[in-house]
N, C-alpha and C. Protein backbone atom coordinates (compact mmCIF):
# COMPACT_ATOMS: atom_id res chain seq x y z
N MET A 1 24.95 -5.26 56.83
CA MET A 1 23.66 -5.28 57.52
C MET A 1 22.61 -5.89 56.61
N LYS A 2 21.76 -6.68 57.18
CA LYS A 2 20.69 -7.31 56.43
C LYS A 2 19.39 -6.51 56.59
N PRO A 3 18.59 -6.41 55.53
CA PRO A 3 17.30 -5.74 55.67
C PRO A 3 16.40 -6.48 56.66
N SER A 4 15.69 -5.71 57.47
CA SER A 4 14.81 -6.31 58.47
C SER A 4 13.47 -5.58 58.44
N LEU A 5 12.40 -6.34 58.54
CA LEU A 5 11.06 -5.73 58.55
C LEU A 5 10.78 -5.00 59.86
N LYS A 6 11.63 -5.16 60.84
CA LYS A 6 11.47 -4.43 62.10
C LYS A 6 11.80 -2.96 61.94
N ASN A 7 12.47 -2.60 60.84
CA ASN A 7 12.90 -1.22 60.62
C ASN A 7 11.93 -0.42 59.75
N ILE A 8 10.71 -0.88 59.58
CA ILE A 8 9.75 -0.15 58.74
C ILE A 8 9.43 1.20 59.40
N ASN A 9 9.54 2.26 58.59
CA ASN A 9 9.26 3.60 59.08
C ASN A 9 8.61 4.41 57.95
N ALA A 10 8.51 5.71 58.14
CA ALA A 10 7.85 6.56 57.14
C ALA A 10 8.61 6.57 55.82
N TYR A 11 9.95 6.48 55.87
CA TYR A 11 10.73 6.46 54.64
C TYR A 11 10.46 5.20 53.83
N THR A 12 10.28 4.08 54.50
CA THR A 12 9.98 2.83 53.82
C THR A 12 8.62 2.91 53.13
N ILE A 13 7.64 3.44 53.83
CA ILE A 13 6.30 3.57 53.27
C ILE A 13 6.31 4.51 52.07
N MET A 14 7.04 5.62 52.18
CA MET A 14 7.13 6.56 51.06
C MET A 14 7.82 5.93 49.86
N ALA A 15 8.86 5.15 50.10
CA ALA A 15 9.56 4.47 49.01
C ALA A 15 8.65 3.47 48.32
N LEU A 16 7.84 2.75 49.07
CA LEU A 16 6.92 1.79 48.47
C LEU A 16 5.83 2.49 47.67
N ILE A 17 5.38 3.66 48.13
CA ILE A 17 4.40 4.44 47.39
C ILE A 17 4.98 4.89 46.05
N VAL A 18 6.24 5.33 46.07
CA VAL A 18 6.90 5.76 44.83
C VAL A 18 7.07 4.58 43.88
N LEU A 19 7.42 3.42 44.41
CA LEU A 19 7.55 2.21 43.59
C LEU A 19 6.23 1.84 42.93
N ILE A 20 5.17 1.82 43.70
CA ILE A 20 3.84 1.49 43.17
C ILE A 20 3.38 2.54 42.16
N ALA A 21 3.68 3.80 42.43
CA ALA A 21 3.31 4.87 41.50
C ALA A 21 4.00 4.69 40.15
N GLY A 22 5.26 4.28 40.17
CA GLY A 22 5.98 4.04 38.92
C GLY A 22 5.37 2.91 38.11
N LEU A 23 5.02 1.83 38.79
CA LEU A 23 4.41 0.70 38.09
C LEU A 23 3.02 1.05 37.56
N LEU A 24 2.23 1.74 38.38
CA LEU A 24 0.89 2.14 37.93
C LEU A 24 0.95 3.13 36.78
N LEU A 25 1.92 4.03 36.80
CA LEU A 25 2.07 4.99 35.72
C LEU A 25 2.34 4.28 34.41
N TYR A 26 3.25 3.31 34.43
CA TYR A 26 3.58 2.58 33.20
C TYR A 26 2.39 1.78 32.69
N ILE A 27 1.69 1.11 33.58
CA ILE A 27 0.56 0.28 33.16
C ILE A 27 -0.60 1.14 32.63
N THR A 28 -0.93 2.21 33.35
CA THR A 28 -2.03 3.06 32.88
C THR A 28 -1.68 3.77 31.59
N TRP A 29 -0.43 4.21 31.43
CA TRP A 29 -0.01 4.86 30.20
C TRP A 29 -0.12 3.87 29.03
N GLY A 30 0.32 2.64 29.26
CA GLY A 30 0.25 1.63 28.20
C GLY A 30 -1.17 1.29 27.81
N LEU A 31 -2.04 1.17 28.79
CA LEU A 31 -3.43 0.85 28.50
C LEU A 31 -4.16 2.01 27.83
N ARG A 32 -3.89 3.21 28.30
CA ARG A 32 -4.60 4.37 27.76
C ARG A 32 -4.18 4.72 26.34
N TYR A 33 -2.86 4.74 26.09
CA TYR A 33 -2.37 5.17 24.78
C TYR A 33 -1.93 3.99 23.90
N ASN A 34 -2.02 2.77 24.42
CA ASN A 34 -1.64 1.57 23.68
C ASN A 34 -0.21 1.67 23.14
N VAL A 35 0.66 2.24 23.95
CA VAL A 35 2.07 2.38 23.60
C VAL A 35 2.88 1.75 24.72
N TRP A 36 3.53 0.62 24.43
CA TRP A 36 4.29 -0.09 25.47
C TRP A 36 5.78 0.11 25.30
N ALA A 37 6.23 0.59 24.16
CA ALA A 37 7.65 0.80 23.92
C ALA A 37 7.89 2.28 23.62
N ASP A 38 7.96 3.09 24.67
CA ASP A 38 8.17 4.52 24.51
C ASP A 38 9.29 4.94 25.46
N ILE A 39 10.31 5.57 24.92
CA ILE A 39 11.47 5.93 25.73
C ILE A 39 11.13 6.96 26.80
N GLY A 40 10.16 7.81 26.53
CA GLY A 40 9.78 8.83 27.52
C GLY A 40 9.17 8.23 28.77
N ILE A 41 8.24 7.30 28.60
CA ILE A 41 7.61 6.68 29.76
C ILE A 41 8.58 5.73 30.46
N TYR A 42 9.49 5.12 29.69
CA TYR A 42 10.53 4.29 30.32
C TYR A 42 11.38 5.11 31.28
N SER A 43 11.78 6.30 30.84
CA SER A 43 12.68 7.10 31.66
C SER A 43 12.00 7.53 32.97
N ILE A 44 10.75 7.89 32.91
CA ILE A 44 10.03 8.28 34.13
C ILE A 44 9.81 7.07 35.03
N THR A 45 9.43 5.95 34.42
CA THR A 45 9.17 4.73 35.19
C THR A 45 10.43 4.23 35.87
N ILE A 46 11.55 4.25 35.18
CA ILE A 46 12.80 3.76 35.76
C ILE A 46 13.21 4.59 36.97
N VAL A 47 13.07 5.90 36.87
CA VAL A 47 13.42 6.76 38.00
C VAL A 47 12.54 6.45 39.21
N LEU A 48 11.24 6.31 38.99
CA LEU A 48 10.33 6.03 40.10
C LEU A 48 10.55 4.64 40.69
N VAL A 49 10.68 3.64 39.85
CA VAL A 49 10.83 2.27 40.35
C VAL A 49 12.17 2.08 41.06
N LEU A 50 13.25 2.55 40.45
CA LEU A 50 14.55 2.41 41.11
C LEU A 50 14.63 3.25 42.38
N GLY A 51 14.05 4.43 42.35
CA GLY A 51 14.02 5.24 43.57
C GLY A 51 13.25 4.54 44.68
N GLY A 52 12.13 3.92 44.33
CA GLY A 52 11.36 3.19 45.33
C GLY A 52 12.08 1.97 45.86
N LEU A 53 12.70 1.22 44.96
CA LEU A 53 13.42 0.02 45.39
C LEU A 53 14.62 0.37 46.27
N LEU A 54 15.45 1.29 45.80
CA LEU A 54 16.63 1.66 46.58
C LEU A 54 16.25 2.33 47.89
N GLY A 55 15.22 3.14 47.87
CA GLY A 55 14.76 3.77 49.11
C GLY A 55 14.26 2.77 50.12
N ALA A 56 13.52 1.78 49.65
CA ALA A 56 13.01 0.75 50.56
C ALA A 56 14.16 -0.08 51.13
N ILE A 57 15.09 -0.46 50.29
CA ILE A 57 16.22 -1.27 50.75
C ILE A 57 17.06 -0.48 51.76
N LEU A 58 17.34 0.77 51.45
CA LEU A 58 18.15 1.58 52.37
C LEU A 58 17.45 1.83 53.69
N SER A 59 16.16 2.09 53.63
CA SER A 59 15.45 2.38 54.89
C SER A 59 15.28 1.14 55.74
N LEU A 60 15.26 -0.03 55.13
CA LEU A 60 15.15 -1.27 55.91
C LEU A 60 16.51 -1.76 56.41
N THR A 61 17.58 -1.28 55.82
CA THR A 61 18.92 -1.76 56.17
C THR A 61 19.46 -1.06 57.42
N PHE A 62 19.20 0.22 57.58
CA PHE A 62 19.75 0.95 58.71
C PHE A 62 19.11 0.51 60.02
N GLU A 63 19.94 0.40 61.04
CA GLU A 63 19.42 0.03 62.36
C GLU A 63 18.87 1.26 63.06
N LYS A 64 17.89 1.04 63.93
CA LYS A 64 17.31 2.14 64.68
C LYS A 64 18.29 2.60 65.77
N THR A 65 18.25 3.90 66.05
CA THR A 65 19.08 4.42 67.14
C THR A 65 18.39 4.18 68.47
N GLU A 66 19.08 4.48 69.54
CA GLU A 66 18.51 4.27 70.86
C GLU A 66 17.28 5.15 71.09
N GLU A 67 17.28 6.37 70.54
CA GLU A 67 16.15 7.28 70.71
C GLU A 67 14.92 6.76 69.98
N GLU A 68 15.11 6.16 68.81
CA GLU A 68 13.97 5.65 68.03
C GLU A 68 13.39 4.38 68.63
N ARG A 69 14.18 3.62 69.34
CA ARG A 69 13.70 2.38 69.96
C ARG A 69 12.77 2.65 71.13
N GLU A 70 12.96 3.77 71.78
CA GLU A 70 12.16 4.07 72.98
C GLU A 70 10.82 4.64 72.66
């Protein structure tokens, strides 16, 4: 199945929010503490960014059921 923008739903929006939160967390942490190479912030950022990416891809890949189309 190919991802389609016709399948945007609440899960897609939530996944994109998590993705943006991960990126903003890394950027604000780096600017505030002037630390760009920290394993702690990497681990949190990776979980948020990958969760957002995979969540968005999965939510866009599944086709809508007959009940959701109506």
